[in-house]
Amino acid sequence: MTTRELLVAFMTDGHVLREDQLALAAAAANAWNTEQLIPMLSVWDVRGPHPCLAGVCVLPLTSRMTPRDFDRLASDWAERARQMFTRCQEVFGL
């Protein structure tokens, strides 16, 4: 989606969180964001009936890059998301 100034990408692994997992998911997001120094993981309700873990990436719309550079950036976002969701599953059981 876009705002007036940003391109915003949300990535999920398709799993929804149960009510009893919300605190653990928030702790997992906080741990990831603190370790990586890049706030990217959050507990989110992406227009659905249930919350989920979501990776959030933003890019200023004023950025200028070639399609090839954007492809590299998007690939990096997808790889970071894969690492986040793998970590959440392995360490936190989410």
Protein backbone atom coordinates (compact mmCIF):
# COMPACT_ATOMS: atom_id res chain seq x y z
CA MET A 1 0.00 0.00 0.00
CA THR A 2 1.07 3.61 -0.27
CA THR A 3 0.59 6.67 1.85
CA ARG A 4 1.22 10.19 0.62
CA GLU A 5 4.92 9.75 1.25
CA LEU A 6 5.70 6.05 1.64
CA LEU A 7 5.43 2.68 -0.05
CA VAL A 8 4.55 0.25 2.75
CA ALA A 9 4.88 -3.52 2.39
CA PHE A 10 3.37 -5.97 4.90
CA MET A 11 4.52 -9.59 4.89
CA THR A 12 3.03 -12.44 6.89
CA ASP A 13 3.64 -16.14 7.01
CA GLY A 14 -0.08 -16.85 6.81
CA HIS A 15 -0.51 -17.91 10.43
CA VAL A 16 -2.95 -16.13 12.69
CA LEU A 17 -2.29 -15.67 16.39
CA ARG A 18 -4.52 -17.06 19.09
CA GLU A 19 -5.50 -14.81 21.97
CA ASP A 20 -3.10 -16.66 24.29
CA GLN A 21 -0.17 -15.99 21.88
CA LEU A 22 -0.43 -12.20 21.72
CA ALA A 23 1.94 -11.42 24.61
CA LEU A 24 4.49 -13.96 23.37
CA ALA A 25 4.24 -12.56 19.84
CA ALA A 26 4.77 -9.02 21.14
CA ALA A 27 7.85 -10.24 23.06
CA ALA A 28 9.16 -11.98 19.93
CA ALA A 29 8.69 -8.81 17.87
CA ASN A 30 10.42 -6.72 20.53
CA ALA A 31 13.34 -9.17 20.73
CA TRP A 32 13.78 -9.26 16.95
CA ASN A 33 13.58 -5.49 16.55
CA THR A 34 16.04 -4.92 19.39
CA GLU A 35 18.55 -7.48 18.09
CA GLN A 36 18.36 -6.29 14.49
CA LEU A 37 18.14 -2.56 15.30
CA ILE A 38 15.58 -2.30 12.52
CA PRO A 39 11.94 -2.14 13.64
CA MET A 40 10.37 -4.50 11.17
CA LEU A 41 8.32 -7.09 13.05
CA SER A 42 5.03 -6.33 14.75
CA VAL A 43 1.81 -7.92 15.92
CA TRP A 44 -0.71 -6.70 13.39
CA ASP A 45 -4.31 -7.09 12.33
CA VAL A 46 -3.99 -6.83 8.56
CA ARG A 47 -7.63 -6.21 7.68
CA GLY A 48 -8.62 -9.58 9.01
CA PRO A 49 -10.53 -11.03 11.89
CA HIS A 50 -7.37 -12.24 13.69
CA PRO A 51 -4.01 -10.68 14.54
CA CYS A 52 -0.82 -12.04 13.00
CA LEU A 53 2.90 -11.39 12.99
CA ALA A 54 3.78 -9.00 10.20
CA GLY A 55 7.02 -7.78 8.75
CA VAL A 56 6.70 -4.15 7.77
CA CYS A 57 9.02 -2.45 5.27
CA VAL A 58 8.82 1.14 4.11
CA LEU A 59 10.37 3.09 1.30
CA PRO A 60 10.03 6.84 0.73
CA LEU A 61 8.19 7.50 -2.50
CA THR A 62 10.76 10.18 -3.27
CA SER A 63 13.42 7.47 -3.64
CA ARG A 64 14.82 7.02 -7.08
CA MET A 65 16.02 3.60 -8.09
CA THR A 66 16.09 1.40 -11.12
CA PRO A 67 13.75 -1.59 -11.41
CA ARG A 68 16.80 -3.80 -10.87
CA ASP A 69 17.69 -1.97 -7.63
CA PHE A 70 14.09 -2.22 -6.45
CA ASP A 71 14.13 -5.95 -7.21
CA ARG A 72 17.24 -6.33 -5.04
CA LEU A 73 15.61 -4.35 -2.23
CA ALA A 74 12.40 -6.39 -2.42
CA SER A 75 14.45 -9.61 -2.39
CA ASP A 76 16.24 -8.36 0.73
CA TRP A 77 12.91 -7.59 2.39
CA ALA A 78 11.63 -11.08 1.57
CA GLU A 79 14.80 -12.71 2.95
CA ARG A 80 14.59 -10.70 6.18
CA ALA A 81 10.94 -11.68 6.54
CA ARG A 82 11.81 -15.36 6.02
CA GLN A 83 14.47 -15.11 8.74
CA MET A 84 12.05 -13.38 11.12
CA PHE A 85 9.28 -15.90 10.69
CA THR A 86 11.69 -18.83 10.94
CA ARG A 87 13.08 -17.40 14.17
CA CYS A 88 9.59 -16.84 15.58
CA GLN A 89 8.65 -20.43 14.80
CA GLU A 90 11.88 -21.98 16.11
CA VAL A 91 12.44 -19.88 19.25
CA PHE A 92 8.94 -18.83 20.26
CA GLY A 93 6.78 -21.58 18.73
CA LEU A 94 4.65 -19.06 16.84
